[in-house]
Amino acid sequence: MAVDQAILDDVAEKVAGGLRLIGSVKQEAEAQIKSILEGAFSGLDVVTGERMQVAEAMLNKTREQMAELEARIEELEARIKK
């Protein structure tokens, strides 16, 4: 039994159209979900991973400086006591 090429083309076109529709619905859903989540997170006190890394680096630098200053103070106190 031979299948008419026009029928195959029509079916292929309808399937492709359905896939495009599914793709656009997926994109719209993702955009809406992203918008909802951004709105929800904006009300919370949440930071990005990048900002957290910057804050950790600053904290580590401050700790290093504080340790250096403490060592310097101990050294100066020892000099004063002599």
PDB file of N, CA and C in Angstrom:
ATOM      1  N   MET A   1       0.846  -1.165   0.000  1.00  0.00           N
ATOM      2  CA  MET A   1       0.000   0.000   0.000  1.00  0.00           C
ATOM      3  C   MET A   1       0.900   1.239   0.000  1.00  0.00           C
ATOM      4  N   ALA A   2       0.734   2.055  -0.969  1.00  0.00           N
ATOM      5  CA  ALA A   2       1.543   3.264  -1.111  1.00  0.00           C
ATOM      6  C   ALA A   2       0.859   4.409  -0.367  1.00  0.00           C
ATOM      7  N   VAL A   3       1.684   5.184   0.310  1.00  0.00           N
ATOM      8  CA  VAL A   3       1.179   6.332   1.043  1.00  0.00           C
ATOM      9  C   VAL A   3       1.435   7.579   0.201  1.00  0.00           C
ATOM     10  N   ASP A   4       0.441   8.389   0.073  1.00  0.00           N
ATOM     11  CA  ASP A   4       0.554   9.604  -0.719  1.00  0.00           C
ATOM     12  C   ASP A   4       1.555  10.555  -0.049  1.00  0.00           C
ATOM     13  N   GLN A   5       2.478  11.103  -0.830  1.00  0.00           N
ATOM     14  CA  GLN A   5       3.510  12.008  -0.320  1.00  0.00           C
ATOM     15  C   GLN A   5       2.884  13.252   0.307  1.00  0.00           C
ATOM     16  N   ALA A   6       1.789  13.720  -0.234  1.00  0.00           N
ATOM     17  CA  ALA A   6       1.128  14.917   0.309  1.00  0.00           C
ATOM     18  C   ALA A   6       0.630  14.650   1.722  1.00  0.00           C
ATOM     19  N   ILE A   7       0.143  13.438   1.975  1.00  0.00           N
ATOM     20  CA  ILE A   7      -0.319  13.081   3.319  1.00  0.00           C
ATOM     21  C   ILE A   7       0.863  13.061   4.291  1.00  0.00           C
ATOM     22  N   LEU A   8       1.971  12.474   3.852  1.00  0.00           N
ATOM     23  CA  LEU A   8       3.166  12.437   4.709  1.00  0.00           C
ATOM     24  C   LEU A   8       3.669  13.847   5.003  1.00  0.00           C
ATOM     25  N   ASP A   9       3.677  14.703   3.972  1.00  0.00           N
ATOM     26  CA  ASP A   9       4.104  16.086   4.170  1.00  0.00           C
ATOM     27  C   ASP A   9       3.190  16.802   5.154  1.00  0.00           C
ATOM     28  N   ASP A  10       1.884  16.572   5.021  1.00  0.00           N
ATOM     29  CA  ASP A  10       0.915  17.208   5.909  1.00  0.00           C
ATOM     30  C   ASP A  10       1.116  16.753   7.355  1.00  0.00           C
ATOM     31  N   VAL A  11       1.303  15.454   7.542  1.00  0.00           N
ATOM     32  CA  VAL A  11       1.522  14.921   8.890  1.00  0.00           C
ATOM     33  C   VAL A  11       2.817  15.487   9.463  1.00  0.00           C
ATOM     34  N   ALA A  12       3.865  15.511   8.666  1.00  0.00           N
ATOM     35  CA  ALA A  12       5.152  16.034   9.126  1.00  0.00           C
ATOM     36  C   ALA A  12       5.024  17.509   9.506  1.00  0.00           C
ATOM     37  N   GLU A  13       4.284  18.259   8.710  1.00  0.00           N
ATOM     38  CA  GLU A  13       4.083  19.675   9.001  1.00  0.00           C
ATOM     39  C   GLU A  13       3.316  19.865  10.309  1.00  0.00           C
ATOM     40  N   LYS A  14       2.288  19.063  10.534  1.00  0.00           N
ATOM     41  CA  LYS A  14       1.494  19.167  11.757  1.00  0.00           C
ATOM     42  C   LYS A  14       2.328  18.779  12.983  1.00  0.00           C
ATOM     43  N   VAL A  15       3.145  17.747  12.855  1.00  0.00           N
ATOM     44  CA  VAL A  15       4.010  17.334  13.968  1.00  0.00           C
ATOM     45  C   VAL A  15       5.024  18.434  14.270  1.00  0.00           C
ATOM     46  N   ALA A  16       5.625  18.995  13.230  1.00  0.00           N
ATOM     47  CA  ALA A  16       6.601  20.073  13.426  1.00  0.00           C
ATOM     48  C   ALA A  16       5.928  21.276  14.079  1.00  0.00           C
ATOM     49  N   GLY A  17       4.727  21.603  13.661  1.00  0.00           N
ATOM     50  CA  GLY A  17       3.988  22.713  14.267  1.00  0.00           C
ATOM     51  C   GLY A  17       3.700  22.455  15.730  1.00  0.00           C
ATOM     52  N   GLY A  18       3.329  21.227  16.054  1.00  0.00           N
ATOM     53  CA  GLY A  18       3.076  20.856  17.441  1.00  0.00           C
ATOM     54  C   GLY A  18       4.331  20.960  18.282  1.00  0.00           C
ATOM     55  N   LEU A  19       5.458  20.554  17.720  1.00  0.00           N
ATOM     56  CA  LEU A  19       6.725  20.648  18.446  1.00  0.00           C
ATOM     57  C   LEU A  19       7.115  22.106  18.678  1.00  0.00           C
ATOM     58  N   ARG A  20       6.882  22.964  17.682  1.00  0.00           N
ATOM     59  CA  ARG A  20       7.172  24.394  17.865  1.00  0.00           C
ATOM     60  C   ARG A  20       6.289  24.968  18.970  1.00  0.00           C
ATOM     61  N   LEU A  21       5.015  24.561  18.962  1.00  0.00           N
ATOM     62  CA  LEU A  21       4.080  25.042  19.984  1.00  0.00           C
ATOM     63  C   LEU A  21       4.540  24.591  21.372  1.00  0.00           C
ATOM     64  N   ILE A  22       4.938  23.341  21.478  1.00  0.00           N
ATOM     65  CA  ILE A  22       5.427  22.817  22.763  1.00  0.00           C
ATOM     66  C   ILE A  22       6.658  23.593  23.204  1.00  0.00           C
ATOM     67  N   GLY A  23       7.558  23.890  22.258  1.00  0.00           N
ATOM     68  CA  GLY A  23       8.771  24.646  22.588  1.00  0.00           C
ATOM     69  C   GLY A  23       8.451  26.038  23.095  1.00  0.00           C
ATOM     70  N   SER A  24       7.486  26.702  22.449  1.00  0.00           N
ATOM     71  CA  SER A  24       7.157  28.063  22.888  1.00  0.00           C
ATOM     72  C   SER A  24       6.440  28.045  24.231  1.00  0.00           C
ATOM     73  N   VAL A  25       5.615  27.044  24.459  1.00  0.00           N
ATOM     74  CA  VAL A  25       4.935  26.918  25.764  1.00  0.00           C
ATOM     75  C   VAL A  25       5.970  26.672  26.850  1.00  0.00           C
ATOM     76  N   LYS A  26       6.958  25.851  26.550  1.00  0.00           N
ATOM     77  CA  LYS A  26       8.027  25.566  27.515  1.00  0.00           C
ATOM     78  C   LYS A  26       8.789  26.841  27.856  1.00  0.00           C
ATOM     79  N   GLN A  27       9.109  27.634  26.840  1.00  0.00           N
ATOM     80  CA  GLN A  27       9.842  28.881  27.069  1.00  0.00           C
ATOM     81  C   GLN A  27       9.015  29.848  27.912  1.00  0.00           C
ATOM     82  N   GLU A  28       7.731  29.956  27.610  1.00  0.00           N
ATOM     83  CA  GLU A  28       6.867  30.845  28.384  1.00  0.00           C
ATOM     84  C   GLU A  28       6.764  30.381  29.835  1.00  0.00           C
ATOM     85  N   ALA A  29       6.622  29.063  30.027  1.00  0.00           N
ATOM     86  CA  ALA A  29       6.525  28.522  31.384  1.00  0.00           C
ATOM     87  C   ALA A  29       7.807  28.786  32.155  1.00  0.00           C
ATOM     88  N   GLU A  30       8.956  28.574  31.514  1.00  0.00           N
ATOM     89  CA  GLU A  30      10.233  28.826  32.179  1.00  0.00           C
ATOM     90  C   GLU A  30      10.372  30.295  32.569  1.00  0.00           C
ATOM     91  N   ALA A  31       9.959  31.194  31.671  1.00  0.00           N
ATOM     92  CA  ALA A  31      10.046  32.628  31.961  1.00  0.00           C
ATOM     93  C   ALA A  31       9.145  33.001  33.134  1.00  0.00           C
ATOM     94  N   GLN A  32       7.944  32.445  33.163  1.00  0.00           N
ATOM     95  CA  GLN A  32       7.019  32.750  34.252  1.00  0.00           C
ATOM     96  C   GLN A  32       7.524  32.185  35.575  1.00  0.00           C
ATOM     97  N   ILE A  33       8.034  30.972  35.556  1.00  0.00           N
ATOM     98  CA  ILE A  33       8.561  30.363  36.779  1.00  0.00           C
ATOM     99  C   ILE A  33       9.757  31.161  37.289  1.00  0.00           C
ATOM    100  N   LYS A  34      10.636  31.571  36.367  1.00  0.00           N
ATOM    101  CA  LYS A  34      11.798  32.369  36.757  1.00  0.00           C
ATOM    102  C   LYS A  34      11.354  33.683  37.389  1.00  0.00           C
ATOM    103  N   SER A  35      10.364  34.305  36.794  1.00  0.00           N
ATOM    104  CA  SER A  35       9.846  35.568  37.325  1.00  0.00           C
ATOM    105  C   SER A  35       9.255  35.387  38.721  1.00  0.00           C
ATOM    106  N   ILE A  36       8.501  34.321  38.898  1.00  0.00           N
ATOM    107  CA  ILE A  36       7.896  34.037  40.207  1.00  0.00           C
ATOM    108  C   ILE A  36       8.974  33.795  41.253  1.00  0.00           C
ATOM    109  N   LEU A  37       9.975  33.002  40.909  1.00  0.00           N
ATOM    110  CA  LEU A  37      11.057  32.704  41.855  1.00  0.00           C
ATOM    111  C   LEU A  37      11.868  33.952  42.188  1.00  0.00           C
ATOM    112  N   GLU A  38      12.153  34.763  41.174  1.00  0.00           N
ATOM    113  CA  GLU A  38      12.903  35.996  41.437  1.00  0.00           C
ATOM    114  C   GLU A  38      12.120  36.898  42.384  1.00  0.00           C
ATOM    115  N   GLY A  39      10.807  36.972  42.187  1.00  0.00           N
ATOM    116  CA  GLY A  39       9.980  37.772  43.075  1.00  0.00           C
ATOM    117  C   GLY A  39       9.993  37.232  44.489  1.00  0.00           C
ATOM    118  N   ALA A  40       9.912  35.911  44.605  1.00  0.00           N
ATOM    119  CA  ALA A  40       9.912  35.288  45.932  1.00  0.00           C
ATOM    120  C   ALA A  40      11.250  35.488  46.629  1.00  0.00           C
ATOM    121  N   PHE A  41      12.351  35.321  45.885  1.00  0.00           N
ATOM    122  CA  PHE A  41      13.670  35.460  46.496  1.00  0.00           C
ATOM    123  C   PHE A  41      14.026  36.901  46.786  1.00  0.00           C
ATOM    124  N   SER A  42      13.463  37.839  46.030  1.00  0.00           N
ATOM    125  CA  SER A  42      13.794  39.235  46.279  1.00  0.00           C
ATOM    126  C   SER A  42      13.291  39.689  47.648  1.00  0.00           C
ATOM    127  N   GLY A  43      12.244  39.043  48.160  1.00  0.00           N
ATOM    128  CA  GLY A  43      11.727  39.383  49.483  1.00  0.00           C
ATOM    129  C   GLY A  43      12.515  38.742  50.607  1.00  0.00           C
ATOM    130  N   LEU A  44      13.376  37.804  50.261  1.00  0.00           N
ATOM    131  CA  LEU A  44      14.195  37.129  51.271  1.00  0.00           C
ATOM    132  C   LEU A  44      15.567  37.774  51.333  1.00  0.00           C
ATOM    133  N   ASP A  45      16.255  37.530  52.414  1.00  0.00           N
ATOM    134  CA  ASP A  45      17.608  38.043  52.576  1.00  0.00           C
ATOM    135  C   ASP A  45      18.576  36.999  52.036  1.00  0.00           C
ATOM    136  N   VAL A  46      18.676  36.919  50.709  1.00  0.00           N
ATOM    137  CA  VAL A  46      19.472  35.895  50.036  1.00  0.00           C
ATOM    138  C   VAL A  46      20.546  36.585  49.192  1.00  0.00           C
ATOM    139  N   VAL A  47      21.740  36.026  49.180  1.00  0.00           N
ATOM    140  CA  VAL A  47      22.814  36.562  48.349  1.00  0.00           C
ATOM    141  C   VAL A  47      23.196  35.544  47.288  1.00  0.00           C
ATOM    142  N   THR A  48      23.790  36.038  46.219  1.00  0.00           N
ATOM    143  CA  THR A  48      24.245  35.150  45.162  1.00  0.00           C
ATOM    144  C   THR A  48      25.529  34.450  45.597  1.00  0.00           C
ATOM    145  N   GLY A  49      25.852  33.378  44.918  1.00  0.00           N
ATOM    146  CA  GLY A  49      27.085  32.660  45.206  1.00  0.00           C
ATOM    147  C   GLY A  49      28.307  33.535  44.995  1.00  0.00           C
ATOM    148  N   GLU A  50      28.242  34.368  43.954  1.00  0.00           N
ATOM    149  CA  GLU A  50      29.369  35.265  43.656  1.00  0.00           C
ATOM    150  C   GLU A  50      29.576  36.271  44.778  1.00  0.00           C
ATOM    151  N   ARG A  51      28.492  36.857  45.257  1.00  0.00           N
ATOM    152  CA  ARG A  51      28.617  37.817  46.357  1.00  0.00           C
ATOM    153  C   ARG A  51      29.107  37.133  47.619  1.00  0.00           C
ATOM    154  N   MET A  52      28.692  35.895  47.829  1.00  0.00           N
ATOM    155  CA  MET A  52      29.128  35.158  49.007  1.00  0.00           C
ATOM    156  C   MET A  52      30.639  34.908  48.927  1.00  0.00           C
ATOM    157  N   GLN A  53      31.130  34.568  47.747  1.00  0.00           N
ATOM    158  CA  GLN A  53      32.569  34.348  47.583  1.00  0.00           C
ATOM    159  C   GLN A  53      33.354  35.630  47.853  1.00  0.00           C
ATOM    160  N   VAL A  54      32.835  36.744  47.390  1.00  0.00           N
ATOM    161  CA  VAL A  54      33.502  38.036  47.634  1.00  0.00           C
ATOM    162  C   VAL A  54      33.538  38.319  49.131  1.00  0.00           C
ATOM    163  N   ALA A  55      32.408  38.095  49.804  1.00  0.00           N
ATOM    164  CA  ALA A  55      32.340  38.347  51.246  1.00  0.00           C
ATOM    165  C   ALA A  55      33.306  37.432  52.002  1.00  0.00           C
ATOM    166  N   GLU A  56      33.393  36.164  51.589  1.00  0.00           N
ATOM    167  CA  GLU A  56      34.319  35.230  52.243  1.00  0.00           C
ATOM    168  C   GLU A  56      35.762  35.671  52.045  1.00  0.00           C
ATOM    169  N   ALA A  57      36.086  36.146  50.845  1.00  0.00           N
ATOM    170  CA  ALA A  57      37.453  36.609  50.578  1.00  0.00           C
ATOM    171  C   ALA A  57      37.783  37.819  51.446  1.00  0.00           C
ATOM    172  N   MET A  58      36.825  38.730  51.570  1.00  0.00           N
ATOM    173  CA  MET A  58      37.038  39.902  52.423  1.00  0.00           C
ATOM    174  C   MET A  58      37.216  39.486  53.875  1.00  0.00           C
ATOM    175  N   LEU A  59      36.428  38.537  54.336  1.00  0.00           N
ATOM    176  CA  LEU A  59      36.522  38.062  55.716  1.00  0.00           C
ATOM    177  C   LEU A  59      37.882  37.417  55.963  1.00  0.00           C
ATOM    178  N   ASN A  60      38.332  36.594  55.028  1.00  0.00           N
ATOM    179  CA  ASN A  60      39.636  35.948  55.184  1.00  0.00           C
ATOM    180  C   ASN A  60      40.758  36.977  55.229  1.00  0.00           C
ATOM    181  N   LYS A  61      40.690  38.004  54.372  1.00  0.00           N
ATOM    182  CA  LYS A  61      41.705  39.065  54.370  1.00  0.00           C
ATOM    183  C   LYS A  61      41.689  39.811  55.698  1.00  0.00           C
ATOM    184  N   THR A  62      40.498  40.092  56.208  1.00  0.00           N
ATOM    185  CA  THR A  62      40.370  40.792  57.493  1.00  0.00           C
ATOM    186  C   THR A  62      40.951  39.947  58.620  1.00  0.00           C
ATOM    187  N   ARG A  63      40.697  38.662  58.596  1.00  0.00           N
ATOM    188  CA  ARG A  63      41.255  37.772  59.625  1.00  0.00           C
ATOM    189  C   ARG A  63      42.777  37.788  59.589  1.00  0.00           C
ATOM    190  N   GLU A  64      43.342  37.749  58.373  1.00  0.00           N
ATOM    191  CA  GLU A  64      44.796  37.781  58.236  1.00  0.00           C
ATOM    192  C   GLU A  64      45.358  39.083  58.801  1.00  0.00           C
ATOM    193  N   GLN A  65      44.719  40.189  58.444  1.00  0.00           N
ATOM    194  CA  GLN A  65      45.187  41.496  58.940  1.00  0.00           C
ATOM    195  C   GLN A  65      45.068  41.568  60.456  1.00  0.00           C
ATOM    196  N   MET A  66      43.994  41.031  60.996  1.00  0.00           N
ATOM    197  CA  MET A  66      43.796  41.056  62.443  1.00  0.00           C
ATOM    198  C   MET A  66      44.863  40.219  63.153  1.00  0.00           C
ATOM    199  N   ALA A  67      45.192  39.080  62.601  1.00  0.00           N
ATOM    200  CA  ALA A  67      46.232  38.244  63.197  1.00  0.00           C
ATOM    201  C   ALA A  67      47.580  38.968  63.167  1.00  0.00           C
ATOM    202  N   GLU A  68      47.863  39.657  62.060  1.00  0.00           N
ATOM    203  CA  GLU A  68      49.108  40.415  61.961  1.00  0.00           C
ATOM    204  C   GLU A  68      49.144  41.542  62.994  1.00  0.00           C
ATOM    205  N   LEU A  69      48.029  42.234  63.141  1.00  0.00           N
ATOM    206  CA  LEU A  69      47.967  43.331  64.112  1.00  0.00           C
ATOM    207  C   LEU A  69      48.085  42.812  65.545  1.00  0.00           C
ATOM    208  N   GLU A  70      47.464  41.686  65.831  1.00  0.00           N
ATOM    209  CA  GLU A  70      47.577  41.109  67.179  1.00  0.00           C
ATOM    210  C   GLU A  70      49.021  40.746  67.482  1.00  0.00           C
ATOM    211  N   ALA A  71      49.696  40.177  66.482  1.00  0.00           N
ATOM    212  CA  ALA A  71      51.108  39.822  66.677  1.00  0.00           C
ATOM    213  C   ALA A  71      51.949  41.084  66.893  1.00  0.00           C
ATOM    214  N   ARG A  72      51.652  42.115  66.160  1.00  0.00           N
ATOM    215  CA  ARG A  72      52.385  43.382  66.309  1.00  0.00           C
ATOM    216  C   ARG A  72      52.142  43.999  67.683  1.00  0.00           C
ATOM    217  N   ILE A  73      50.902  43.953  68.156  1.00  0.00           N
ATOM    218  CA  ILE A  73      50.573  44.487  69.487  1.00  0.00           C
ATOM    219  C   ILE A  73      51.324  43.710  70.568  1.00  0.00           C
ATOM    220  N   GLU A  74      51.357  42.406  70.448  1.00  0.00           N
ATOM    221  CA  GLU A  74      52.080  41.591  71.429  1.00  0.00           C
ATOM    222  C   GLU A  74      53.563  41.959  71.433  1.00  0.00           C
ATOM    223  N   GLU A  75      54.087  42.181  70.236  1.00  0.00           N
ATOM    224  CA  GLU A  75      55.495  42.552  70.126  1.00  0.00           C
ATOM    225  C   GLU A  75      55.749  43.913  70.791  1.00  0.00           C
ATOM    226  N   LEU A  76      54.877  44.861  70.546  1.00  0.00           N
ATOM    227  CA  LEU A  76      55.033  46.192  71.141  1.00  0.00           C
ATOM    228  C   LEU A  76      54.856  46.145  72.655  1.00  0.00           C
ATOM    229  N   GLU A  77      53.905  45.357  73.134  1.00  0.00           N
ATOM    230  CA  GLU A  77      53.691  45.227  74.579  1.00  0.00           C
ATOM    231  C   GLU A  77      54.922  44.609  75.240  1.00  0.00           C
ATOM    232  N   ALA A  78      55.528  43.655  74.572  1.00  0.00           N
ATOM    233  CA  ALA A  78      56.731  43.023  75.109  1.00  0.00           C
ATOM    234  C   ALA A  78      57.876  44.034  75.194  1.00  0.00           C
ATOM    235  N   ARG A  79      57.991  44.911  74.214  1.00  0.00           N
ATOM    236  CA  ARG A  79      59.033  45.949  74.227  1.00  0.00           C
ATOM    237  C   ARG A  79      58.807  46.932  75.371  1.00  0.00           C
ATOM    238  N   ILE A  80      57.540  47.279  75.598  1.00  0.00           N
ATOM    239  CA  ILE A  80      57.224  48.247  76.651  1.00  0.00           C
ATOM    240  C   ILE A  80      57.575  47.671  78.018  1.00  0.00           C
ATOM    241  N   LYS A  81      57.355  46.402  78.231  1.00  0.00           N
ATOM    242  CA  LYS A  81      57.594  45.762  79.521  1.00  0.00           C
ATOM    243  C   LYS A  81      59.074  45.645  79.828  1.00  0.00           C
ATOM    244  N   LYS A  82      59.938  45.755  78.857  1.00  0.00           N
ATOM    245  CA  LYS A  82      61.381  45.591  79.086  1.00  0.00           C
ATOM    246  C   LYS A  82      61.980  46.792  79.706  1.00  0.00           C
TER     247      LYS A  82
END
